[in-house]
C-alpha atoms as a PDB file:
ATOM      1  CA  MET A   1     -17.079 -23.190 -13.243  1.00  0.00           C
ATOM      2  CA  PRO A   2     -16.269 -21.137 -16.263  1.00  0.00           C
ATOM      3  CA  ALA A   3     -15.598 -22.141 -19.984  1.00  0.00           C
ATOM      4  CA  ALA A   4     -12.713 -20.752 -21.724  1.00  0.00           C
ATOM      5  CA  THR A   5     -13.336 -18.433 -24.105  1.00  0.00           C
ATOM      6  CA  SER A   6     -10.170 -17.675 -26.522  1.00  0.00           C
ATOM      7  CA  ALA A   7      -6.875 -18.567 -26.786  1.00  0.00           C
ATOM      8  CA  THR A   8      -4.286 -17.413 -23.677  1.00  0.00           C
ATOM      9  CA  THR A   9      -2.202 -14.560 -25.770  1.00  0.00           C
ATOM     10  CA  PRO A  10       0.885 -14.991 -25.776  1.00  0.00           C
ATOM     11  CA  TRP A  11       2.519 -11.654 -23.635  1.00  0.00           C
ATOM     12  CA  PHE A  12       0.269 -13.443 -20.461  1.00  0.00           C
ATOM     13  CA  HIS A  13       1.524 -16.796 -20.706  1.00  0.00           C
ATOM     14  CA  GLY A  14       0.641 -19.253 -18.496  1.00  0.00           C
ATOM     15  CA  PHE A  15      -2.772 -17.463 -18.085  1.00  0.00           C
ATOM     16  CA  GLU A  16      -6.572 -18.522 -19.324  1.00  0.00           C
ATOM     17  CA  ALA A  17      -9.450 -16.290 -20.652  1.00  0.00           C
ATOM     18  CA  ALA A  18     -12.639 -17.040 -19.706  1.00  0.00           C
ATOM     19  CA  ASP A  19     -15.981 -15.455 -19.144  1.00  0.00           C
ATOM     20  CA  VAL A  20     -18.218 -15.969 -16.115  1.00  0.00           C
ATOM     21  CA  ASP A  21     -22.064 -15.395 -14.980  1.00  0.00           C
ATOM     22  CA  VAL A  22     -22.256 -13.272 -12.311  1.00  0.00           C
ATOM     23  CA  GLY A  23     -26.064 -13.233 -11.764  1.00  0.00           C
ATOM     24  CA  GLY A  24     -26.912 -11.851 -15.470  1.00  0.00           C
ATOM     25  CA  VAL A  25     -24.193  -9.617 -15.965  1.00  0.00           C
ATOM     26  CA  ARG A  26     -20.691 -11.795 -17.983  1.00  0.00           C
ATOM     27  CA  LEU A  27     -17.647 -11.039 -16.734  1.00  0.00           C
ATOM     28  CA  HIS A  28     -14.852 -11.761 -18.942  1.00  0.00           C
ATOM     29  CA  LEU A  29     -11.444 -13.068 -16.271  1.00  0.00           C
ATOM     30  CA  ARG A  30      -7.645 -14.406 -17.230  1.00  0.00           C
ATOM     31  CA  SER A  31      -6.379 -16.073 -13.661  1.00  0.00           C
ATOM     32  CA  GLY A  32      -3.815 -18.189 -13.402  1.00  0.00           C
ATOM     33  CA  GLY A  33      -0.746 -18.506 -11.431  1.00  0.00           C
ATOM     34  CA  ARG A  34       0.644 -21.183  -8.220  1.00  0.00           C
ATOM     35  CA  ALA A  35      -2.236 -23.953  -8.488  1.00  0.00           C
ATOM     36  CA  GLY A  36      -2.940 -24.338  -4.679  1.00  0.00           C
ATOM     37  CA  ALA A  37      -1.798 -20.795  -3.298  1.00  0.00           C
ATOM     38  CA  PRO A  38      -3.077 -17.726  -1.971  1.00  0.00           C
ATOM     39  CA  PRO A  39      -5.635 -16.593  -4.196  1.00  0.00           C
ATOM     40  CA  LEU A  40      -5.463 -13.540  -4.382  1.00  0.00           C
ATOM     41  CA  LEU A  41      -7.970 -10.422  -6.731  1.00  0.00           C
ATOM     42  CA  LEU A  42      -6.701  -8.064  -8.803  1.00  0.00           C
ATOM     43  CA  VAL A  43      -9.313  -5.128 -10.044  1.00  0.00           C
ATOM     44  CA  HIS A  44      -8.383  -2.477 -12.811  1.00  0.00           C
ATOM     45  CA  GLY A  45      -9.488   1.051 -12.989  1.00  0.00           C
ATOM     46  CA  PHE A  46     -10.827   3.760 -15.312  1.00  0.00           C
ATOM     47  CA  PRO A  47     -10.145   3.419 -18.473  1.00  0.00           C
ATOM     48  CA  GLN A  48      -8.578  -0.464 -18.275  1.00  0.00           C
ATOM     49  CA  SER A  49      -9.125  -3.330 -18.382  1.00  0.00           C
ATOM     50  CA  HIS A  50      -7.225  -6.000 -16.222  1.00  0.00           C
ATOM     51  CA  VAL A  51      -4.405  -5.985 -19.220  1.00  0.00           C
ATOM     52  CA  LEU A  52      -3.254  -2.923 -16.756  1.00  0.00           C
ATOM     53  CA  TRP A  53      -1.424  -5.950 -14.618  1.00  0.00           C
ATOM     54  CA  GLN A  54      -0.054  -8.091 -17.010  1.00  0.00           C
ATOM     55  CA  ARG A  55       3.734  -7.518 -15.465  1.00  0.00           C
ATOM     56  CA  VAL A  56       2.785  -7.558 -12.206  1.00  0.00           C
ATOM     57  CA  ALA A  57       1.214 -10.684 -12.091  1.00  0.00           C
ATOM     58  CA  GLN A  58       3.949 -12.477 -14.336  1.00  0.00           C
ATOM     59  CA  GLN A  59       5.810 -11.904 -11.283  1.00  0.00           C
ATOM     60  CA  LEU A  60       3.092 -12.247  -9.056  1.00  0.00           C
ATOM     61  CA  ALA A  61       2.126 -15.736 -10.067  1.00  0.00           C
ATOM     62  CA  PRO A  62       5.264 -18.447  -8.509  1.00  0.00           C
ATOM     63  CA  HIS A  63       3.241 -17.023  -5.632  1.00  0.00           C
ATOM     64  CA  PHE A  64      -0.187 -16.484  -5.199  1.00  0.00           C
ATOM     65  CA  ARG A  65      -2.955 -17.801  -7.554  1.00  0.00           C
ATOM     66  CA  LEU A  66      -4.393 -15.210  -9.400  1.00  0.00           C
ATOM     67  CA  VAL A  67      -7.610 -14.263 -10.818  1.00  0.00           C
ATOM     68  CA  LEU A  68      -7.699 -10.714 -13.106  1.00  0.00           C
ATOM     69  CA  PRO A  69     -11.222  -9.808 -14.151  1.00  0.00           C
ATOM     70  CA  ASP A  70     -12.726  -7.099 -16.018  1.00  0.00           C
ATOM     71  CA  LEU A  71     -15.125  -4.473 -14.239  1.00  0.00           C
ATOM     72  CA  ARG A  72     -18.623  -4.825 -15.789  1.00  0.00           C
ATOM     73  CA  GLY A  73     -18.592  -1.805 -18.183  1.00  0.00           C
ATOM     74  CA  TYR A  74     -15.161  -2.485 -19.070  1.00  0.00           C
ATOM     75  CA  GLY A  75     -12.464  -4.451 -21.077  1.00  0.00           C
ATOM     76  CA  ARG A  76     -14.904  -6.954 -22.458  1.00  0.00           C
ATOM     77  CA  SER A  77     -17.250  -7.495 -19.541  1.00  0.00           C
ATOM     78  CA  ASP A  78     -20.845  -7.293 -20.693  1.00  0.00           C
ATOM     79  CA  LYS A  79     -21.803  -3.399 -20.821  1.00  0.00           C
ATOM     80  CA  PRO A  80     -25.100  -2.749 -19.724  1.00  0.00           C
ATOM     81  CA  ALA A  81     -27.381   0.277 -19.912  1.00  0.00           C
ATOM     82  CA  GLY A  82     -27.334   2.366 -17.157  1.00  0.00           C
ATOM     83  CA  SER A  83     -30.190   2.398 -14.751  1.00  0.00           C
ATOM     84  CA  ALA A  84     -32.075   5.646 -13.291  1.00  0.00           C
ATOM     85  CA  ASP A  85     -30.720   5.259 -10.181  1.00  0.00           C
ATOM     86  CA  HIS A  86     -26.710   4.416 -11.583  1.00  0.00           C
ATOM     87  CA  ALA A  87     -27.605   1.709  -8.684  1.00  0.00           C
ATOM     88  CA  ASN A  88     -26.209  -1.643 -11.594  1.00  0.00           C
ATOM     89  CA  TYR A  89     -22.992   0.576 -11.792  1.00  0.00           C
ATOM     90  CA  SER A  90     -22.898   1.497  -7.680  1.00  0.00           C
ATOM     91  CA  LYS A  91     -19.616  -0.129  -6.188  1.00  0.00           C
ATOM     92  CA  ARG A  92     -21.932  -2.456  -3.855  1.00  0.00           C
ATOM     93  CA  THR A  93     -23.256  -3.919  -6.962  1.00  0.00           C
ATOM     94  CA  MET A  94     -19.929  -4.569  -8.740  1.00  0.00           C
ATOM     95  CA  ALA A  95     -18.161  -5.757  -5.204  1.00  0.00           C
ATOM     96  CA  ALA A  96     -20.560  -8.429  -4.932  1.00  0.00           C
ATOM     97  CA  ASP A  97     -20.168  -9.144  -9.167  1.00  0.00           C
ATOM     98  CA  LEU A  98     -16.735 -10.376  -7.900  1.00  0.00           C
ATOM     99  CA  VAL A  99     -17.545 -11.764  -4.258  1.00  0.00           C
ATOM    100  CA  ALA A 100     -20.155 -14.402  -6.934  1.00  0.00           C
ATOM    101  CA  LEU A 101     -17.260 -14.273  -9.651  1.00  0.00           C
ATOM    102  CA  MET A 102     -14.671 -15.816  -6.871  1.00  0.00           C
ATOM    103  CA  ARG A 103     -16.854 -18.070  -4.944  1.00  0.00           C
ATOM    104  CA  GLN A 104     -17.666 -19.876  -8.328  1.00  0.00           C
ATOM    105  CA  LEU A 105     -14.134 -20.080  -8.663  1.00  0.00           C
ATOM    106  CA  GLY A 106     -13.765 -21.820  -5.525  1.00  0.00           C
ATOM    107  CA  HIS A 107     -12.207 -18.806  -3.372  1.00  0.00           C
ATOM    108  CA  THR A 108     -14.612 -17.660  -0.187  1.00  0.00           C
ATOM    109  CA  ARG A 109     -11.444 -15.738   1.217  1.00  0.00           C
ATOM    110  CA  PHE A 110      -9.179 -14.164  -0.578  1.00  0.00           C
ATOM    111  CA  GLY A 111      -6.048 -11.308  -0.744  1.00  0.00           C
ATOM    112  CA  LEU A 112      -8.039  -7.932  -2.693  1.00  0.00           C
ATOM    113  CA  VAL A 113      -6.788  -5.480  -4.954  1.00  0.00           C
ATOM    114  CA  GLY A 114      -7.710  -2.521  -6.459  1.00  0.00           C
ATOM    115  CA  HIS A 115      -6.459   0.327  -8.481  1.00  0.00           C
ATOM    116  CA  ASP A 116      -8.404   3.431  -9.214  1.00  0.00           C
ATOM    117  CA  ARG A 117     -12.095   2.309  -9.851  1.00  0.00           C
ATOM    118  CA  GLY A 118     -11.220  -0.643  -9.284  1.00  0.00           C
ATOM    119  CA  GLY A 119      -9.263   0.849  -5.330  1.00  0.00           C
ATOM    120  CA  ARG A 120     -13.244   1.715  -5.068  1.00  0.00           C
ATOM    121  CA  VAL A 121     -14.930  -1.199  -5.596  1.00  0.00           C
ATOM    122  CA  ALA A 122     -12.523  -3.323  -3.266  1.00  0.00           C
ATOM    123  CA  HIS A 123     -13.616  -0.962  -0.519  1.00  0.00           C
ATOM    124  CA  ARG A 124     -16.748  -1.216  -0.797  1.00  0.00           C
ATOM    125  CA  LEU A 125     -16.290  -5.101  -0.916  1.00  0.00           C
ATOM    126  CA  ALA A 126     -14.263  -4.636   2.037  1.00  0.00           C
ATOM    127  CA  LEU A 127     -16.831  -3.420   3.767  1.00  0.00           C
ATOM    128  CA  ASP A 128     -20.127  -5.673   2.565  1.00  0.00           C
ATOM    129  CA  HIS A 129     -18.360  -8.682   2.682  1.00  0.00           C
ATOM    130  CA  ALA A 130     -15.517  -8.572   5.542  1.00  0.00           C
ATOM    131  CA  ASP A 131     -15.589 -11.984   5.585  1.00  0.00           C
ATOM    132  CA  ALA A 132     -14.501 -12.327   2.004  1.00  0.00           C
ATOM    133  CA  VAL A 133     -10.651 -10.475   2.773  1.00  0.00           C
ATOM    134  CA  HIS A 134      -8.327 -11.773   4.365  1.00  0.00           C
ATOM    135  CA  LYS A 135      -5.788  -8.024   3.317  1.00  0.00           C
ATOM    136  CA  LEU A 136      -6.810  -4.975   0.932  1.00  0.00           C
ATOM    137  CA  CYS A 137      -4.433  -3.143  -0.839  1.00  0.00           C
ATOM    138  CA  VAL A 138      -5.779  -0.095  -2.688  1.00  0.00           C
ATOM    139  CA  ILE A 139      -3.832   2.041  -5.363  1.00  0.00           C
ATOM    140  CA  ASP A 140      -3.498   5.796  -5.788  1.00  0.00           C
ATOM    141  CA  ILE A 141      -7.302   6.588  -4.629  1.00  0.00           C
ATOM    142  CA  ALA A 142      -8.166   8.734  -1.025  1.00  0.00           C
ATOM    143  CA  PRO A 143     -11.742   7.234   0.105  1.00  0.00           C
ATOM    144  CA  THR A 144     -14.327   8.626  -2.514  1.00  0.00           C
ATOM    145  CA  LEU A 145     -16.385  10.598  -0.186  1.00  0.00           C
ATOM    146  CA  ASP A 146     -13.566  12.020   1.375  1.00  0.00           C
ATOM    147  CA  MET A 147     -12.479  13.541  -2.485  1.00  0.00           C
ATOM    148  CA  TYR A 148     -15.612  14.933  -3.103  1.00  0.00           C
ATOM    149  CA  ASP A 149     -16.295  16.998   0.311  1.00  0.00           C
ATOM    150  CA  ALA A 150     -12.596  18.472   0.298  1.00  0.00           C
ATOM    151  CA  THR A 151     -12.476  19.700  -2.887  1.00  0.00           C
ATOM    152  CA  ASP A 152     -11.171  22.729  -4.319  1.00  0.00           C
ATOM    153  CA  MET A 153     -10.622  24.420  -7.646  1.00  0.00           C
ATOM    154  CA  ARG A 154      -6.772  21.932  -7.684  1.00  0.00           C
ATOM    155  CA  PHE A 155      -9.113  19.071  -7.309  1.00  0.00           C
ATOM    156  CA  ALA A 156     -11.459  20.187 -10.180  1.00  0.00           C
ATOM    157  CA  ARG A 157      -8.865  21.070 -12.350  1.00  0.00           C
ATOM    158  CA  ALA A 158      -6.577  17.668 -11.942  1.00  0.00           C
ATOM    159  CA  TYR A 159     -10.041  15.536 -11.640  1.00  0.00           C
ATOM    160  CA  TYR A 160     -12.224  17.003 -13.889  1.00  0.00           C
ATOM    161  CA  HIS A 161     -12.979  13.644 -15.686  1.00  0.00           C
ATOM    162  CA  TRP A 162     -15.301  12.715 -12.132  1.00  0.00           C
ATOM    163  CA  PHE A 163     -17.471  16.288 -12.653  1.00  0.00           C
ATOM    164  CA  HIS A 164     -17.831  15.989 -15.989  1.00  0.00           C
ATOM    165  CA  LEU A 165     -18.273  12.010 -16.580  1.00  0.00           C
ATOM    166  CA  ILE A 166     -21.799  12.678 -14.235  1.00  0.00           C
ATOM    167  CA  GLN A 167     -23.557  14.965 -16.069  1.00  0.00           C
ATOM    168  CA  PRO A 168     -26.814  13.564 -17.562  1.00  0.00           C
ATOM    169  CA  HIS A 169     -26.675  11.276 -19.741  1.00  0.00           C
ATOM    170  CA  PRO A 170     -25.667  12.012 -22.867  1.00  0.00           C
ATOM    171  CA  LEU A 171     -24.080  14.326 -22.941  1.00  0.00           C
ATOM    172  CA  PRO A 172     -20.262  13.272 -21.923  1.00  0.00           C
ATOM    173  CA  GLU A 173     -21.240  10.314 -24.222  1.00  0.00           C
ATOM    174  CA  THR A 174     -21.877  12.066 -27.567  1.00  0.00           C
ATOM    175  CA  MET A 175     -18.730  14.209 -26.448  1.00  0.00           C
ATOM    176  CA  ILE A 176     -15.752  11.917 -25.889  1.00  0.00           C
ATOM    177  CA  GLY A 177     -17.529   9.542 -29.001  1.00  0.00           C
ATOM    178  CA  GLY A 178     -17.242  12.302 -31.456  1.00  0.00           C
ATOM    179  CA  CYS A 179     -13.352  11.784 -30.666  1.00  0.00           C
ATOM    180  CA  ALA A 180     -12.740   7.898 -27.914  1.00  0.00           C
ATOM    181  CA  PRO A 181      -9.013   7.589 -28.863  1.00  0.00           C
ATOM    182  CA  ALA A 182      -8.003  11.033 -28.629  1.00  0.00           C
ATOM    183  CA  TYR A 183     -10.114  11.639 -25.623  1.00  0.00           C
ATOM    184  CA  LEU A 184      -9.282   7.695 -23.637  1.00  0.00           C
ATOM    185  CA  ARG A 185      -4.859   8.575 -24.360  1.00  0.00           C
ATOM    186  CA  ALA A 186      -4.890  12.407 -22.658  1.00  0.00           C
ATOM    187  CA  LYS A 187      -6.291   9.957 -20.187  1.00  0.00           C
ATOM    188  CA  LEU A 188      -3.336   7.382 -20.110  1.00  0.00           C
ATOM    189  CA  GLY A 189      -1.390  10.142 -20.052  1.00  0.00           C
ATOM    190  CA  GLY A 190      -1.910  12.613 -17.742  1.00  0.00           C
ATOM    191  CA  TRP A 191      -2.348  12.481 -14.114  1.00  0.00           C
ATOM    192  CA  GLY A 192       1.743  12.220 -13.587  1.00  0.00           C
ATOM    193  CA  ALA A 193       2.276   9.664 -15.547  1.00  0.00           C
ATOM    194  CA  GLY A 194       3.923  12.148 -18.920  1.00  0.00           C
ATOM    195  CA  GLY A 195       2.333  10.168 -21.805  1.00  0.00           C
ATOM    196  CA  THR A 196       1.944   6.416 -22.704  1.00  0.00           C
ATOM    197  CA  GLY A 197       5.618   5.220 -23.079  1.00  0.00           C
ATOM    198  CA  TYR A 198       4.702   2.969 -19.808  1.00  0.00           C
ATOM    199  CA  ILE A 199       1.601   1.181 -21.736  1.00  0.00           C
ATOM    200  CA  GLU A 200       2.585  -2.011 -22.957  1.00  0.00           C
ATOM    201  CA  PRO A 201       1.198  -2.175 -27.304  1.00  0.00           C
ATOM    202  CA  GLU A 202      -0.525  -5.112 -26.886  1.00  0.00           C
ATOM    203  CA  ALA A 203      -2.293  -3.206 -23.569  1.00  0.00           C
ATOM    204  CA  LEU A 204      -2.795  -0.065 -25.613  1.00  0.00           C
ATOM    205  CA  ALA A 205      -4.283  -1.595 -28.482  1.00  0.00           C
ATOM    206  CA  GLU A 206      -6.853  -3.313 -25.938  1.00  0.00           C
ATOM    207  CA  TYR A 207      -7.918   0.167 -23.451  1.00  0.00           C
ATOM    208  CA  GLU A 208      -8.998   1.452 -27.727  1.00  0.00           C
ATOM    209  CA  ARG A 209     -10.516  -2.017 -28.937  1.00  0.00           C
ATOM    210  CA  ASN A 210     -12.631  -1.783 -25.606  1.00  0.00           C
ATOM    211  CA  PHE A 211     -12.861   1.251 -24.588  1.00  0.00           C
ATOM    212  CA  CYS A 212     -13.361   3.450 -28.049  1.00  0.00           C
ATOM    213  CA  THR A 213     -17.323   2.812 -28.372  1.00  0.00           C
ATOM    214  CA  PRO A 214     -20.818   3.665 -27.710  1.00  0.00           C
ATOM    215  CA  GLU A 215     -21.517   1.226 -24.800  1.00  0.00           C
ATOM    216  CA  ALA A 216     -17.917   1.213 -23.058  1.00  0.00           C
ATOM    217  CA  ILE A 217     -18.742   5.344 -22.963  1.00  0.00           C
ATOM    218  CA  HIS A 218     -22.014   5.632 -21.619  1.00  0.00           C
ATOM    219  CA  ALA A 219     -20.827   2.246 -18.877  1.00  0.00           C
ATOM    220  CA  ALA A 220     -17.935   4.382 -17.410  1.00  0.00           C
ATOM    221  CA  CYS A 221     -20.282   7.794 -17.691  1.00  0.00           C
ATOM    222  CA  GLU A 222     -22.457   5.696 -15.344  1.00  0.00           C
ATOM    223  CA  ASP A 223     -18.764   4.248 -13.142  1.00  0.00           C
ATOM    224  CA  TYR A 224     -18.850   7.793 -12.333  1.00  0.00           C
ATOM    225  CA  ARG A 225     -22.933   9.060 -11.886  1.00  0.00           C
ATOM    226  CA  ALA A 226     -23.144   6.026  -9.065  1.00  0.00           C
ATOM    227  CA  SER A 227     -19.923   7.029  -8.122  1.00  0.00           C
ATOM    228  CA  ALA A 228     -21.232  10.575  -7.132  1.00  0.00           C
ATOM    229  CA  GLY A 229     -24.757   9.437  -5.803  1.00  0.00           C
ATOM    230  CA  ILE A 230     -25.834   6.673  -4.867  1.00  0.00           C
ATOM    231  CA  ASP A 231     -22.022   5.478  -3.477  1.00  0.00           C
ATOM    232  CA  LEU A 232     -22.211   8.667  -1.856  1.00  0.00           C
ATOM    233  CA  ASP A 233     -25.191   7.767  -0.991  1.00  0.00           C
ATOM    234  CA  HIS A 234     -24.154   4.523   0.695  1.00  0.00           C
ATOM    235  CA  ASP A 235     -21.337   5.455   1.731  1.00  0.00           C
ATOM    236  CA  ARG A 236     -22.233   7.769   4.660  1.00  0.00           C
ATOM    237  CA  ALA A 237     -25.062   5.086   5.896  1.00  0.00           C
ATOM    238  CA  ALA A 238     -21.485   3.122   6.304  1.00  0.00           C
ATOM    239  CA  ARG A 239     -20.271   5.766   8.267  1.00  0.00           C
ATOM    240  CA  ALA A 240     -22.510   7.011  10.126  1.00  0.00           C
ATOM    241  CA  ALA A 241     -23.193   3.091  11.366  1.00  0.00           C
ATOM    242  CA  GLY A 242     -19.845   3.028  12.176  1.00  0.00           C
ATOM    243  CA  TRP A 243     -18.472   0.521   9.273  1.00  0.00           C
ATOM    244  CA  LYS A 244     -14.782   0.773   9.183  1.00  0.00           C
ATOM    245  CA  ILE A 245     -12.705  -2.282   6.623  1.00  0.00           C
ATOM    246  CA  ALA A 246     -11.801  -5.091   9.636  1.00  0.00           C
ATOM    247  CA  CYS A 247      -8.592  -6.168   7.987  1.00  0.00           C
ATOM    248  CA  ASP A 248      -4.895  -5.326   7.256  1.00  0.00           C
ATOM    249  CA  LEU A 249      -4.767  -2.228   4.459  1.00  0.00           C
ATOM    250  CA  LEU A 250      -1.872  -1.407   2.667  1.00  0.00           C
ATOM    251  CA  VAL A 251      -1.802   2.133   1.052  1.00  0.00           C
ATOM    252  CA  LEU A 252       0.459   3.129  -2.093  1.00  0.00           C
ATOM    253  CA  TRP A 253       0.104   5.797  -4.352  1.00  0.00           C
ATOM    254  CA  GLY A 254       2.555   7.778  -7.032  1.00  0.00           C
ATOM    255  CA  GLU A 255       4.636  10.860  -5.875  1.00  0.00           C
ATOM    256  CA  ARG A 256       3.616  12.115  -8.735  1.00  0.00           C
ATOM    257  CA  GLY A 257       0.329  11.683  -8.690  1.00  0.00           C
ATOM    258  CA  VAL A 258      -3.142  13.623  -7.839  1.00  0.00           C
ATOM    259  CA  VAL A 259      -3.062  11.619  -4.307  1.00  0.00           C
ATOM    260  CA  HIS A 260       0.013  12.261  -3.040  1.00  0.00           C
ATOM    261  CA  GLN A 261      -0.650  16.551  -3.760  1.00  0.00           C
ATOM    262  CA  LEU A 262      -3.820  16.983  -2.530  1.00  0.00           C
ATOM    263  CA  PHE A 263      -4.214  14.324   0.121  1.00  0.00           C
ATOM    264  CA  ASP A 264      -3.530  12.398   3.358  1.00  0.00           C
ATOM    265  CA  PRO A 265      -3.399   9.111   1.732  1.00  0.00           C
ATOM    266  CA  LEU A 266      -2.596   7.282   4.786  1.00  0.00           C
ATOM    267  CA  ALA A 267      -4.326   9.400   7.301  1.00  0.00           C
ATOM    268  CA  LEU A 268      -7.511   8.971   5.351  1.00  0.00           C
ATOM    269  CA  TRP A 269      -7.475   5.604   5.264  1.00  0.00           C
ATOM    270  CA  ARG A 270      -6.235   5.591   9.117  1.00  0.00           C
ATOM    271  CA  ALA A 271      -9.129   6.310   9.367  1.00  0.00           C
ATOM    272  CA  GLN A 272     -11.910   4.736   8.084  1.00  0.00           C
ATOM    273  CA  CYS A 273      -9.683   0.977   9.183  1.00  0.00           C
ATOM    274  CA  SER A 274      -9.962  -0.562  12.234  1.00  0.00           C
ATOM    275  CA  ALA A 275      -6.828  -2.483  10.964  1.00  0.00           C
ATOM    276  CA  THR A 276      -3.591  -2.628  11.212  1.00  0.00           C
ATOM    277  CA  VAL A 277      -2.668   0.516   8.249  1.00  0.00           C
ATOM    278  CA  THR A 278       0.889   0.483   6.375  1.00  0.00           C
ATOM    279  CA  GLY A 279       1.861   2.817   3.189  1.00  0.00           C
ATOM    280  CA  ARG A 280       4.053   4.994   0.902  1.00  0.00           C
ATOM    281  CA  ALA A 281       4.188   6.392  -2.831  1.00  0.00           C
ATOM    282  CA  LEU A 282       5.947   4.579  -5.143  1.00  0.00           C
ATOM    283  CA  PRO A 283       8.014   6.678  -8.469  1.00  0.00           C
ATOM    284  CA  ALA A 284       5.815   6.615 -10.925  1.00  0.00           C
ATOM    285  CA  GLY A 285       2.447   8.828 -11.847  1.00  0.00           C
ATOM    286  CA  HIS A 286      -1.284   7.783 -11.454  1.00  0.00           C
ATOM    287  CA  PHE A 287      -0.813   4.267 -13.514  1.00  0.00           C
ATOM    288  CA  ILE A 288       1.520   2.667 -11.036  1.00  0.00           C
ATOM    289  CA  PRO A 289       1.305  -1.113 -11.942  1.00  0.00           C
ATOM    290  CA  GLU A 290       2.447  -0.473 -15.076  1.00  0.00           C
ATOM    291  CA  GLU A 291       4.564   2.391 -14.407  1.00  0.00           C
ATOM    292  CA  VAL A 292       6.401   0.154 -11.729  1.00  0.00           C
ATOM    293  CA  PRO A 293       5.507  -3.253 -11.951  1.00  0.00           C
ATOM    294  CA  GLY A 294       8.171  -4.346 -10.129  1.00  0.00           C
ATOM    295  CA  ALA A 295       8.014  -2.302  -7.391  1.00  0.00           C
ATOM    296  CA  THR A 296       4.246  -2.844  -7.331  1.00  0.00           C
ATOM    297  CA  ALA A 297       4.910  -6.850  -7.260  1.00  0.00           C
ATOM    298  CA  ALA A 298       7.232  -6.563  -4.395  1.00  0.00           C
ATOM    299  CA  ALA A 299       5.038  -4.578  -2.634  1.00  0.00           C
ATOM    300  CA  LEU A 300       3.001  -6.897  -2.969  1.00  0.00           C
ATOM    301  CA  ARG A 301       4.222 -10.471  -2.095  1.00  0.00           C
ATOM    302  CA  GLU A 302       5.995  -8.764   1.082  1.00  0.00           C
ATOM    303  CA  PHE A 303       2.310  -7.148   2.416  1.00  0.00           C
ATOM    304  CA  PHE A 304       0.416 -10.547   0.847  1.00  0.00           C
ATOM    305  CA  GLY A 305       3.228 -12.536   2.282  1.00  0.00           C
ATOM    306  CA  ALA A 306       5.011 -14.504  -0.505  1.00  0.00           C
END
């Protein structure tokens, strides 16, 4: 079992912070909610951390046992240097981290929610560890392989970071490191978000503290380098083998976001799932759990059965 590391901050009332070793990488997390309730794993994306879920988690806490980790490379989790093939930041590796984490916490089967990069990790987890996932929700993504295969000028302009971050080390790290706070705020205020006013001050301070370091910037680049290389290899192999998500899937996306503008998320996800796929757009940009926490929590309660 994990050992508590720091006192729970007031804004995460009722949640405990901990560090867990998952095979040589230490993941930071908060957990809380109703003891004995169905477990629900909430996974953040770029360039954030588990604090993305604070307002959603407070609304879900009476109904679920919640686990909110920082992915490897993000937040207060370890940030190992990338390997030559970027495999240690592959979504397969990051998914295995989360399965090991949940097992240490006593959860062998759980509900799973992933936003942004966390959604891509969740997708891979549902394929590689199908028996572990009761239901899956992905937020504001389409499948990685489909998004890359459909790249055109509109997508390249909107998601230029997908192509910038994958450039060889150390070019993007050096460029971002030149003014990391400005880069971070530009990302957090973009993709339909309309600025950073939706972010709680505590969360913004946490993002700045944890992202604006050389180790974190490198880790984020490695995450994207993996997605443009080894992750695509894994995705193509899975499709060739006929693998599909085997559990019910909820897809949520922002009506002001890039996914809504350029893709048909329900159709793309239905092609990758053998169970029931439902979903809808919410009145938000990309950062849905923070922009519309009430609507997000309501959708999750309905889907996961609380």
